[in-house]
Amino acid sequence: MQSDHFDISRCIGALSLRFSSRLGAGASQEYLQRFQIGVVEWRILCHLAIEPWSNVIAMANSIGLDKSSVSRSLSLMTERGLVTMRNGERRRREAQLTAAGLALHREVLPIARAREDALLAGFDTAETEQLLSYFHRLIANLSKVEEDAQRRSGQDA
């Protein structure tokens, strides 16, 4: 028997938003105070450390943000000398970390790792791998959620 109420304490979307918001806000606060960057800039640093000369679309998809947020952060990072930009394929702008950007990435990395270690306190290696697997599966299922919404949208017409 299904209840007439929606239990938000068991809602994956609500829980993931609560988790992400708190984690991101705490990271932004610490990174702003210590390094004068926000969590968006940190994610861009991480992405570009692995994939230099990435375009805005690739970065937005990788870090889960909209293109305008990534573009704004890249502009600020360019002004600070953390990234350099060039024209890429199909007139898309591409970014790469400068020496200063790489140095900042190396400086923030131990703090980011410490934050993650604290977050995963009490999880053993197998549990951490399982958790990562669940997150990747949930992300992969997002297209199914969108397809389902499209199907419902067509039924409402």
N, C-alpha and C. Protein backbone atom coordinates (compact mmCIF):
# COMPACT_ATOMS: atom_id res chain seq x y z
N MET A 1 0.85 -1.18 0.00
CA MET A 1 0.00 0.00 0.00
C MET A 1 0.89 1.25 0.00
N GLN A 2 0.62 2.11 -0.94
CA GLN A 2 1.42 3.32 -1.09
C GLN A 2 0.80 4.46 -0.28
N SER A 3 1.65 5.20 0.40
CA SER A 3 1.20 6.32 1.22
C SER A 3 0.85 7.53 0.35
N ASP A 4 0.04 8.42 0.90
CA ASP A 4 -0.28 9.68 0.22
C ASP A 4 0.82 10.72 0.43
N HIS A 5 1.81 10.37 1.24
CA HIS A 5 2.88 11.32 1.55
C HIS A 5 4.18 10.89 0.88
N PHE A 6 5.00 11.87 0.57
CA PHE A 6 6.31 11.62 -0.02
C PHE A 6 7.35 11.82 1.08
N ASP A 7 8.03 10.76 1.46
CA ASP A 7 9.00 10.81 2.55
C ASP A 7 10.32 11.37 2.03
N ILE A 8 10.56 12.64 2.27
CA ILE A 8 11.74 13.32 1.76
C ILE A 8 13.02 12.76 2.36
N SER A 9 12.93 12.14 3.53
CA SER A 9 14.11 11.53 4.15
C SER A 9 14.55 10.27 3.42
N ARG A 10 13.71 9.79 2.49
CA ARG A 10 14.05 8.61 1.68
C ARG A 10 14.13 8.96 0.19
N CYS A 11 14.10 10.23 -0.13
CA CYS A 11 14.12 10.69 -1.52
C CYS A 11 15.57 10.90 -1.97
N ILE A 12 16.02 10.13 -2.94
CA ILE A 12 17.40 10.21 -3.42
C ILE A 12 17.72 11.62 -3.90
N GLY A 13 16.83 12.24 -4.64
CA GLY A 13 17.07 13.59 -5.14
C GLY A 13 17.26 14.60 -4.02
N ALA A 14 16.39 14.55 -3.03
CA ALA A 14 16.48 15.48 -1.91
C ALA A 14 17.73 15.23 -1.07
N LEU A 15 18.02 13.96 -0.81
CA LEU A 15 19.20 13.63 -0.02
C LEU A 15 20.49 14.02 -0.76
N SER A 16 20.54 13.75 -2.06
CA SER A 16 21.75 14.08 -2.81
C SER A 16 21.94 15.60 -2.88
N LEU A 17 20.85 16.34 -3.01
CA LEU A 17 20.94 17.81 -3.03
C LEU A 17 21.41 18.34 -1.68
N ARG A 18 20.85 17.80 -0.62
CA ARG A 18 21.25 18.21 0.74
C ARG A 18 22.74 17.92 0.95
N PHE A 19 23.16 16.74 0.56
CA PHE A 19 24.55 16.33 0.70
C PHE A 19 25.46 17.24 -0.13
N SER A 20 25.12 17.41 -1.39
CA SER A 20 25.94 18.20 -2.30
C SER A 20 26.02 19.66 -1.86
N SER A 21 24.89 20.22 -1.44
CA SER A 21 24.87 21.61 -1.02
C SER A 21 25.75 21.85 0.20
N ARG A 22 25.63 20.99 1.18
CA ARG A 22 26.44 21.15 2.40
C ARG A 22 27.91 20.93 2.12
N LEU A 23 28.22 19.91 1.35
CA LEU A 23 29.61 19.62 1.04
C LEU A 23 30.22 20.74 0.21
N GLY A 24 29.50 21.21 -0.80
CA GLY A 24 30.00 22.28 -1.66
C GLY A 24 30.14 23.60 -0.92
N ALA A 25 29.18 23.91 -0.07
CA ALA A 25 29.24 25.17 0.69
C ALA A 25 30.44 25.17 1.64
N GLY A 26 30.67 24.06 2.29
CA GLY A 26 31.82 23.96 3.20
C GLY A 26 33.13 24.07 2.45
N ALA A 27 33.22 23.41 1.29
CA ALA A 27 34.44 23.48 0.48
C ALA A 27 34.65 24.91 -0.02
N SER A 28 33.59 25.53 -0.52
CA SER A 28 33.71 26.90 -1.01
C SER A 28 34.19 27.83 0.09
N GLN A 29 33.62 27.71 1.27
CA GLN A 29 34.00 28.57 2.38
C GLN A 29 35.49 28.39 2.71
N GLU A 30 35.93 27.14 2.82
CA GLU A 30 37.34 26.90 3.16
C GLU A 30 38.27 27.33 2.04
N TYR A 31 37.92 27.02 0.79
CA TYR A 31 38.79 27.36 -0.33
C TYR A 31 38.84 28.86 -0.55
N LEU A 32 37.71 29.55 -0.36
CA LEU A 32 37.72 31.01 -0.48
C LEU A 32 38.62 31.64 0.59
N GLN A 33 38.48 31.16 1.80
CA GLN A 33 39.26 31.71 2.91
C GLN A 33 40.75 31.44 2.72
N ARG A 34 41.09 30.23 2.31
CA ARG A 34 42.51 29.85 2.25
C ARG A 34 43.18 30.18 0.92
N PHE A 35 42.41 30.08 -0.20
CA PHE A 35 43.04 30.16 -1.52
C PHE A 35 42.39 31.17 -2.46
N GLN A 36 41.35 31.84 -2.00
CA GLN A 36 40.61 32.84 -2.80
C GLN A 36 40.01 32.23 -4.07
N ILE A 37 39.56 30.99 -3.96
CA ILE A 37 38.81 30.35 -5.05
C ILE A 37 37.58 29.69 -4.45
N GLY A 38 36.56 29.51 -5.28
CA GLY A 38 35.38 28.78 -4.85
C GLY A 38 35.45 27.33 -5.32
N VAL A 39 34.44 26.59 -4.99
CA VAL A 39 34.42 25.17 -5.34
C VAL A 39 34.33 24.98 -6.86
N VAL A 40 33.69 25.91 -7.57
CA VAL A 40 33.62 25.79 -9.03
C VAL A 40 35.02 25.92 -9.62
N GLU A 41 35.76 26.89 -9.15
CA GLU A 41 37.13 27.06 -9.64
C GLU A 41 37.99 25.85 -9.29
N TRP A 42 37.78 25.29 -8.11
CA TRP A 42 38.52 24.10 -7.71
C TRP A 42 38.21 22.94 -8.66
N ARG A 43 36.96 22.76 -8.99
CA ARG A 43 36.58 21.67 -9.90
C ARG A 43 37.19 21.89 -11.29
N ILE A 44 37.24 23.13 -11.73
CA ILE A 44 37.86 23.44 -13.02
C ILE A 44 39.36 23.14 -12.95
N LEU A 45 40.02 23.53 -11.86
CA LEU A 45 41.43 23.21 -11.70
C LEU A 45 41.66 21.70 -11.79
N CYS A 46 40.81 20.93 -11.12
CA CYS A 46 40.94 19.46 -11.14
C CYS A 46 40.74 18.92 -12.55
N HIS A 47 39.73 19.41 -13.23
CA HIS A 47 39.46 18.93 -14.59
C HIS A 47 40.63 19.24 -15.51
N LEU A 48 41.11 20.48 -15.47
CA LEU A 48 42.18 20.88 -16.39
C LEU A 48 43.52 20.25 -16.03
N ALA A 49 43.72 19.86 -14.78
CA ALA A 49 44.94 19.16 -14.40
C ALA A 49 45.02 17.81 -15.10
N ILE A 50 43.87 17.23 -15.37
CA ILE A 50 43.81 15.91 -16.02
C ILE A 50 43.61 16.04 -17.53
N GLU A 51 42.80 17.01 -17.93
CA GLU A 51 42.45 17.19 -19.35
C GLU A 51 42.74 18.61 -19.82
N PRO A 52 44.03 18.92 -20.07
CA PRO A 52 44.35 20.27 -20.57
C PRO A 52 43.72 20.52 -21.94
N TRP A 53 43.51 21.78 -22.23
CA TRP A 53 42.89 22.24 -23.47
C TRP A 53 41.49 21.67 -23.64
N SER A 54 40.73 21.68 -22.56
CA SER A 54 39.32 21.29 -22.61
C SER A 54 38.46 22.49 -22.94
N ASN A 55 37.33 22.22 -23.58
CA ASN A 55 36.40 23.32 -23.86
C ASN A 55 35.35 23.40 -22.75
N VAL A 56 34.60 24.47 -22.78
CA VAL A 56 33.61 24.75 -21.74
C VAL A 56 32.58 23.63 -21.63
N ILE A 57 32.14 23.11 -22.77
CA ILE A 57 31.13 22.04 -22.75
C ILE A 57 31.66 20.80 -22.05
N ALA A 58 32.89 20.41 -22.38
CA ALA A 58 33.49 19.23 -21.74
C ALA A 58 33.63 19.43 -20.24
N MET A 59 34.07 20.64 -19.85
CA MET A 59 34.22 20.92 -18.42
C MET A 59 32.87 20.91 -17.71
N ALA A 60 31.87 21.54 -18.31
CA ALA A 60 30.54 21.60 -17.70
C ALA A 60 29.99 20.20 -17.50
N ASN A 61 30.15 19.34 -18.50
CA ASN A 61 29.67 17.96 -18.38
C ASN A 61 30.44 17.19 -17.32
N SER A 62 31.73 17.40 -17.26
CA SER A 62 32.59 16.67 -16.32
C SER A 62 32.29 17.04 -14.87
N ILE A 63 32.10 18.33 -14.62
CA ILE A 63 31.93 18.76 -13.22
C ILE A 63 30.48 19.00 -12.83
N GLY A 64 29.56 18.79 -13.78
CA GLY A 64 28.14 18.85 -13.45
C GLY A 64 27.60 20.24 -13.23
N LEU A 65 28.10 21.20 -13.99
CA LEU A 65 27.60 22.57 -13.88
C LEU A 65 27.17 23.08 -15.24
N ASP A 66 26.43 24.18 -15.25
CA ASP A 66 26.01 24.76 -16.52
C ASP A 66 27.18 25.50 -17.16
N LYS A 67 27.12 25.66 -18.48
CA LYS A 67 28.19 26.28 -19.24
C LYS A 67 28.45 27.73 -18.80
N SER A 68 27.39 28.46 -18.44
CA SER A 68 27.59 29.86 -18.06
C SER A 68 28.40 29.97 -16.76
N SER A 69 28.18 29.08 -15.81
CA SER A 69 28.96 29.10 -14.56
C SER A 69 30.43 28.80 -14.84
N VAL A 70 30.66 27.82 -15.70
CA VAL A 70 32.04 27.46 -16.05
C VAL A 70 32.70 28.63 -16.78
N SER A 71 31.99 29.25 -17.71
CA SER A 71 32.54 30.39 -18.47
C SER A 71 32.89 31.55 -17.55
N ARG A 72 32.00 31.87 -16.61
CA ARG A 72 32.27 32.96 -15.67
C ARG A 72 33.52 32.66 -14.84
N SER A 73 33.60 31.44 -14.35
CA SER A 73 34.76 31.07 -13.54
C SER A 73 36.04 31.09 -14.36
N LEU A 74 35.97 30.64 -15.60
CA LEU A 74 37.15 30.67 -16.46
C LEU A 74 37.61 32.11 -16.71
N SER A 75 36.68 33.02 -16.86
CA SER A 75 37.05 34.43 -17.04
C SER A 75 37.80 34.96 -15.82
N LEU A 76 37.28 34.66 -14.64
CA LEU A 76 37.95 35.09 -13.41
C LEU A 76 39.32 34.43 -13.27
N MET A 77 39.39 33.17 -13.61
CA MET A 77 40.65 32.44 -13.51
C MET A 77 41.68 32.95 -14.52
N THR A 78 41.21 33.36 -15.68
CA THR A 78 42.10 33.94 -16.68
C THR A 78 42.67 35.26 -16.17
N GLU A 79 41.79 36.09 -15.58
CA GLU A 79 42.23 37.37 -15.01
C GLU A 79 43.28 37.17 -13.93
N ARG A 80 43.15 36.10 -13.17
CA ARG A 80 44.11 35.81 -12.09
C ARG A 80 45.36 35.10 -12.61
N GLY A 81 45.38 34.77 -13.89
CA GLY A 81 46.54 34.11 -14.46
C GLY A 81 46.61 32.63 -14.14
N LEU A 82 45.47 32.01 -13.81
CA LEU A 82 45.44 30.58 -13.48
C LEU A 82 45.22 29.70 -14.71
N VAL A 83 44.57 30.26 -15.73
CA VAL A 83 44.34 29.52 -16.97
C VAL A 83 44.69 30.41 -18.15
N THR A 84 44.96 29.75 -19.25
CA THR A 84 45.15 30.45 -20.52
C THR A 84 44.13 29.87 -21.49
N MET A 85 43.67 30.71 -22.40
CA MET A 85 42.61 30.31 -23.33
C MET A 85 43.14 30.36 -24.77
N ARG A 86 42.54 29.52 -25.62
CA ARG A 86 42.83 29.56 -27.05
C ARG A 86 41.57 29.16 -27.81
N ASN A 87 41.55 29.43 -29.09
CA ASN A 87 40.46 28.97 -29.95
C ASN A 87 40.73 27.53 -30.34
N GLY A 88 39.71 26.69 -30.17
CA GLY A 88 39.85 25.28 -30.50
C GLY A 88 39.01 24.91 -31.70
N GLU A 89 38.70 23.63 -31.79
CA GLU A 89 37.88 23.13 -32.89
C GLU A 89 36.49 23.76 -32.86
N ARG A 90 35.95 23.98 -34.03
CA ARG A 90 34.61 24.55 -34.18
C ARG A 90 34.43 25.84 -33.39
N ARG A 91 35.46 26.64 -33.35
CA ARG A 91 35.45 27.95 -32.70
C ARG A 91 35.12 27.87 -31.20
N ARG A 92 35.33 26.72 -30.61
CA ARG A 92 35.12 26.60 -29.17
C ARG A 92 36.37 27.04 -28.43
N ARG A 93 36.17 27.78 -27.37
CA ARG A 93 37.29 28.23 -26.55
C ARG A 93 37.76 27.06 -25.68
N GLU A 94 39.06 26.92 -25.59
CA GLU A 94 39.66 25.85 -24.80
C GLU A 94 40.56 26.47 -23.73
N ALA A 95 40.69 25.77 -22.61
CA ALA A 95 41.47 26.29 -21.49
C ALA A 95 42.53 25.28 -21.08
N GLN A 96 43.61 25.84 -20.55
CA GLN A 96 44.68 25.03 -19.97
C GLN A 96 45.20 25.77 -18.75
N LEU A 97 45.64 25.02 -17.75
CA LEU A 97 46.21 25.64 -16.57
C LEU A 97 47.56 26.26 -16.90
N THR A 98 47.81 27.41 -16.31
CA THR A 98 49.13 28.03 -16.38
C THR A 98 49.99 27.41 -15.27
N ALA A 99 51.24 27.81 -15.20
CA ALA A 99 52.11 27.36 -14.11
C ALA A 99 51.50 27.75 -12.76
N ALA A 100 50.92 28.95 -12.69
CA ALA A 100 50.28 29.40 -11.45
C ALA A 100 49.05 28.54 -11.13
N GLY A 101 48.30 28.17 -12.16
CA GLY A 101 47.14 27.30 -11.96
C GLY A 101 47.53 25.92 -11.47
N LEU A 102 48.59 25.36 -12.06
CA LEU A 102 49.08 24.06 -11.60
C LEU A 102 49.59 24.13 -10.16
N ALA A 103 50.28 25.23 -9.83
CA ALA A 103 50.79 25.40 -8.47
C ALA A 103 49.63 25.51 -7.47
N LEU A 104 48.59 26.24 -7.84
CA LEU A 104 47.43 26.35 -6.96
C LEU A 104 46.75 25.00 -6.79
N HIS A 105 46.63 24.25 -7.86
CA HIS A 105 46.05 22.90 -7.79
C HIS A 105 46.83 22.05 -6.79
N ARG A 106 48.15 22.08 -6.88
CA ARG A 106 48.99 21.30 -5.96
C ARG A 106 48.84 21.79 -4.52
N GLU A 107 48.60 23.08 -4.33
CA GLU A 107 48.45 23.65 -2.99
C GLU A 107 47.11 23.25 -2.36
N VAL A 108 46.06 23.23 -3.16
CA VAL A 108 44.71 22.91 -2.64
C VAL A 108 44.53 21.40 -2.46
N LEU A 109 45.19 20.61 -3.28
CA LEU A 109 44.98 19.16 -3.31
C LEU A 109 45.05 18.49 -1.94
N PRO A 110 46.04 18.77 -1.09
CA PRO A 110 46.04 18.10 0.23
C PRO A 110 44.83 18.46 1.09
N ILE A 111 44.34 19.67 0.96
CA ILE A 111 43.16 20.09 1.72
C ILE A 111 41.93 19.33 1.20
N ALA A 112 41.80 19.26 -0.11
CA ALA A 112 40.67 18.53 -0.71
C ALA A 112 40.70 17.06 -0.31
N ARG A 113 41.89 16.48 -0.31
CA ARG A 113 42.01 15.07 0.10
C ARG A 113 41.68 14.89 1.58
N ALA A 114 42.08 15.83 2.41
CA ALA A 114 41.76 15.75 3.85
C ALA A 114 40.25 15.85 4.06
N ARG A 115 39.59 16.74 3.29
CA ARG A 115 38.13 16.87 3.40
C ARG A 115 37.46 15.55 3.01
N GLU A 116 37.96 14.94 1.93
CA GLU A 116 37.37 13.67 1.49
C GLU A 116 37.65 12.55 2.50
N ASP A 117 38.84 12.53 3.07
CA ASP A 117 39.15 11.53 4.10
C ASP A 117 38.19 11.67 5.29
N ALA A 118 37.93 12.90 5.71
CA ALA A 118 37.00 13.13 6.82
C ALA A 118 35.59 12.68 6.45
N LEU A 119 35.21 12.94 5.20
CA LEU A 119 33.88 12.55 4.73
C LEU A 119 33.72 11.03 4.74
N LEU A 120 34.78 10.34 4.40
CA LEU A 120 34.71 8.88 4.29
C LEU A 120 35.16 8.16 5.56
N ALA A 121 35.27 8.90 6.66
CA ALA A 121 35.66 8.28 7.93
C ALA A 121 34.69 7.14 8.25
N GLY A 122 35.24 6.01 8.62
CA GLY A 122 34.40 4.85 8.96
C GLY A 122 34.07 3.96 7.78
N PHE A 123 34.39 4.39 6.56
CA PHE A 123 34.18 3.55 5.38
C PHE A 123 35.49 2.81 5.09
N ASP A 124 35.40 1.50 4.85
CA ASP A 124 36.61 0.80 4.43
C ASP A 124 36.75 0.93 2.91
N THR A 125 37.83 0.41 2.37
CA THR A 125 38.12 0.56 0.94
C THR A 125 37.01 -0.04 0.08
N ALA A 126 36.53 -1.21 0.46
CA ALA A 126 35.46 -1.85 -0.32
C ALA A 126 34.18 -1.02 -0.30
N GLU A 127 33.84 -0.47 0.84
CA GLU A 127 32.64 0.37 0.95
C GLU A 127 32.79 1.64 0.11
N THR A 128 33.97 2.23 0.14
CA THR A 128 34.22 3.43 -0.66
C THR A 128 34.07 3.11 -2.15
N GLU A 129 34.62 2.00 -2.59
CA GLU A 129 34.49 1.60 -3.99
C GLU A 129 33.03 1.33 -4.35
N GLN A 130 32.29 0.71 -3.43
CA GLN A 130 30.87 0.45 -3.66
C GLN A 130 30.09 1.76 -3.77
N LEU A 131 30.39 2.70 -2.89
CA LEU A 131 29.73 4.01 -2.92
C LEU A 131 30.01 4.71 -4.25
N LEU A 132 31.26 4.70 -4.68
CA LEU A 132 31.60 5.30 -5.98
C LEU A 132 30.83 4.62 -7.11
N SER A 133 30.74 3.31 -7.03
CA SER A 133 30.00 2.56 -8.05
C SER A 133 28.53 2.98 -8.07
N TYR A 134 27.93 3.15 -6.90
CA TYR A 134 26.54 3.60 -6.83
C TYR A 134 26.37 4.99 -7.44
N PHE A 135 27.28 5.91 -7.10
CA PHE A 135 27.19 7.25 -7.68
C PHE A 135 27.28 7.20 -9.20
N HIS A 136 28.22 6.43 -9.73
CA HIS A 136 28.36 6.34 -11.18
C HIS A 136 27.12 5.72 -11.83
N ARG A 137 26.54 4.74 -11.17
CA ARG A 137 25.30 4.14 -11.70
C ARG A 137 24.15 5.13 -11.68
N LEU A 138 24.04 5.89 -10.59
CA LEU A 138 22.98 6.90 -10.51
C LEU A 138 23.16 7.95 -11.60
N ILE A 139 24.38 8.40 -11.81
CA ILE A 139 24.65 9.39 -12.86
C ILE A 139 24.30 8.81 -14.22
N ALA A 140 24.64 7.56 -14.46
CA ALA A 140 24.31 6.92 -15.74
C ALA A 140 22.80 6.83 -15.93
N ASN A 141 22.06 6.70 -14.85
CA ASN A 141 20.59 6.59 -14.94
C ASN A 141 19.89 7.92 -15.16
N LEU A 142 20.61 9.03 -15.05
CA LEU A 142 19.97 10.32 -15.23
C LEU A 142 19.32 10.46 -16.60
N SER A 143 19.91 9.88 -17.63
CA SER A 143 19.29 9.95 -18.96
C SER A 143 17.95 9.22 -18.97
N LYS A 144 17.84 8.16 -18.20
CA LYS A 144 16.56 7.43 -18.10
C LYS A 144 15.50 8.29 -17.42
N VAL A 145 15.92 9.07 -16.43
CA VAL A 145 15.00 9.97 -15.73
C VAL A 145 14.46 11.00 -16.72
N GLU A 146 15.37 11.56 -17.54
CA GLU A 146 14.96 12.55 -18.54
C GLU A 146 14.05 11.92 -19.59
N GLU A 147 14.37 10.72 -20.03
CA GLU A 147 13.52 10.02 -21.01
C GLU A 147 12.13 9.79 -20.44
N ASP A 148 12.08 9.41 -19.16
CA ASP A 148 10.80 9.18 -18.50
C ASP A 148 10.00 10.47 -18.43
N ALA A 149 10.66 11.58 -18.12
CA ALA A 149 9.99 12.87 -18.06
C ALA A 149 9.46 13.26 -19.43
N GLN A 150 10.23 13.01 -20.48
CA GLN A 150 9.78 13.30 -21.84
C GLN A 150 8.55 12.47 -22.20
N ARG A 151 8.57 11.21 -21.79
CA ARG A 151 7.43 10.32 -22.06
C ARG A 151 6.17 10.86 -21.36
N ARG A 152 6.31 11.26 -20.11
CA ARG A 152 5.17 11.81 -19.38
C ARG A 152 4.70 13.11 -20.03
N SER A 153 5.64 13.92 -20.47
CA SER A 153 5.29 15.18 -21.12
C SER A 153 4.45 14.94 -22.37
N GLY A 154 4.79 13.91 -23.12
CA GLY A 154 4.03 13.56 -24.32
C GLY A 154 2.64 13.05 -23.99
N GLN A 155 2.50 12.39 -22.85
CA GLN A 155 1.19 11.88 -22.43
C GLN A 155 0.27 13.00 -21.97
N ASP A 156 0.87 14.08 -21.45
CA ASP A 156 0.06 15.19 -20.95
C ASP A 156 -0.52 16.05 -22.05
N ALA A 157 0.08 15.96 -23.24
CA ALA A 157 -0.34 16.84 -24.34
C ALA A 157 -1.69 16.48 -24.89
